[in-house]
Amino acid sequence: YAKWSRNIQRAIWAAFGSSTQIASQAFSNIRTVRAFGTEEKEVKHFDNALQEVLERGLLGAIGSTITFTLTNYLDLGANVLILYFGGIAILDEYFGSKSH
């Protein structure tokens, strides 16, 4: 999971970098953008870059949730088994020694 998560985080930061670059270029060339009337095109381009960030972030959140849930349920199951079998062993020892 750690390698997968690291790759997702790298992709998120790369997409953030791309969206920042798109916005920076649009602002630095604002006269050209306005002269050709491509404001809407630039906004859509920026929105697409942010959509990629959102999709990758959601994928990372889903993976993190699944990992967290599985590890917690495995820990809970192990604790239940330990307490159950340990309790049985103690009760058998306690009641077994009293009856003799």
Protein backbone atom coordinates (compact mmCIF):
# COMPACT_ATOMS: atom_id res chain seq x y z
CA TYR A 1 0.00 0.00 0.00
CA ALA A 2 2.82 2.42 0.83
CA LYS A 3 4.29 2.26 -2.69
CA TRP A 4 0.86 2.66 -4.26
CA SER A 5 0.04 5.59 -1.98
CA ARG A 6 3.37 7.24 -2.73
CA ASN A 7 2.70 6.98 -6.47
CA ILE A 8 -0.78 8.47 -6.01
CA GLN A 9 0.64 11.36 -3.97
CA ARG A 10 3.27 12.02 -6.64
CA ALA A 11 0.55 12.07 -9.30
CA ILE A 12 -1.50 14.49 -7.21
CA TRP A 13 1.42 16.87 -6.78
CA ALA A 14 2.27 16.60 -10.49
CA ALA A 15 -1.33 17.48 -11.36
CA PHE A 16 -1.20 20.41 -8.91
CA GLY A 17 1.98 21.56 -10.62
CA SER A 18 0.32 21.28 -14.01
CA SER A 19 -2.70 23.30 -12.90
CA THR A 20 -0.44 25.94 -11.38
CA GLN A 21 1.55 26.13 -14.59
CA ILE A 22 -1.64 26.51 -16.65
CA ALA A 23 -2.87 29.36 -14.45
CA SER A 24 0.53 31.03 -14.39
CA GLN A 25 0.81 30.96 -18.18
CA ALA A 26 -2.71 32.29 -18.61
CA PHE A 27 -2.07 35.18 -16.20
CA SER A 28 1.30 36.04 -17.67
CA ASN A 29 -0.23 36.13 -21.15
CA ILE A 30 -3.52 37.71 -20.12
CA ARG A 31 -3.40 40.30 -22.92
CA THR A 32 -3.07 37.57 -25.55
CA VAL A 33 -5.79 35.49 -23.93
CA ARG A 34 -8.15 38.46 -23.90
CA ALA A 35 -7.21 39.56 -27.41
CA PHE A 36 -8.19 36.19 -28.84
CA GLY A 37 -11.15 35.75 -26.49
CA THR A 38 -9.96 32.41 -25.14
CA GLU A 39 -10.81 33.02 -21.49
CA GLU A 40 -13.34 30.17 -21.46
CA LYS A 41 -10.85 27.81 -23.06
CA GLU A 42 -8.24 28.63 -20.43
CA VAL A 43 -10.75 28.19 -17.62
CA LYS A 44 -11.79 24.79 -18.99
CA HIS A 45 -8.15 23.79 -19.33
CA PHE A 46 -7.55 24.75 -15.69
CA ASP A 47 -10.74 22.96 -14.57
CA ASN A 48 -9.61 19.77 -16.32
CA ALA A 49 -6.28 19.91 -14.49
CA LEU A 50 -8.06 20.38 -11.15
CA GLN A 51 -10.44 17.53 -12.00
CA GLU A 52 -7.41 15.25 -12.36
CA VAL A 53 -6.21 16.34 -8.91
CA LEU A 54 -9.65 15.59 -7.47
CA GLU A 55 -9.86 12.15 -9.10
CA ARG A 56 -6.42 11.13 -7.89
CA GLY A 57 -7.19 12.46 -4.41
CA LEU A 58 -10.41 10.46 -4.26
CA LEU A 59 -8.57 7.34 -5.37
CA GLY A 60 -6.01 7.88 -2.62
CA ALA A 61 -8.75 8.46 -0.04
CA ILE A 62 -10.57 5.28 -1.05
CA GLY A 63 -7.37 3.25 -0.83
CA SER A 64 -6.53 4.74 2.54
CA THR A 65 -10.03 4.02 3.84
CA ILE A 66 -9.90 0.41 2.71
CA THR A 67 -6.47 -0.10 4.25
CA PHE A 68 -7.49 1.54 7.52
CA THR A 69 -10.69 -0.52 7.72
CA LEU A 70 -8.96 -3.83 6.99
CA THR A 71 -6.17 -3.27 9.48
CA ASN A 72 -8.58 -2.23 12.21
CA TYR A 73 -10.86 -5.23 11.64
CA LEU A 74 -7.89 -7.60 11.61
CA ASP A 75 -6.66 -6.08 14.86
CA LEU A 76 -10.12 -6.37 16.38
CA GLY A 77 -10.43 -10.00 15.25
CA ALA A 78 -7.04 -10.88 16.71
CA ASN A 79 -7.98 -9.27 20.03
CA VAL A 80 -11.29 -11.16 20.15
CA LEU A 81 -9.54 -14.47 19.48
CA ILE A 82 -6.87 -13.82 22.09
CA LEU A 83 -9.41 -12.84 24.72
CA TYR A 84 -11.73 -15.75 23.87
CA PHE A 85 -9.12 -18.49 23.95
CA GLY A 86 -7.27 -16.92 26.85
CA GLY A 87 -10.50 -16.68 28.82
CA ILE A 88 -11.34 -20.31 28.08
CA ALA A 89 -7.87 -21.42 29.21
CA ILE A 90 -8.10 -19.45 32.44
CA LEU A 91 -11.63 -20.67 33.19
CA ASP A 92 -10.66 -24.28 32.48
CA GLU A 93 -7.67 -23.97 34.77
CA TYR A 94 -9.67 -22.25 37.53
CA PHE A 95 -12.66 -24.58 37.48
CA GLY A 96 -10.57 -27.65 36.75
CA SER A 97 -8.41 -27.18 39.85
CA LYS A 98 -11.41 -26.57 42.15
CA SER A 99 -13.14 -29.79 41.21
CA HIS A 100 -10.16 -31.99 42.14
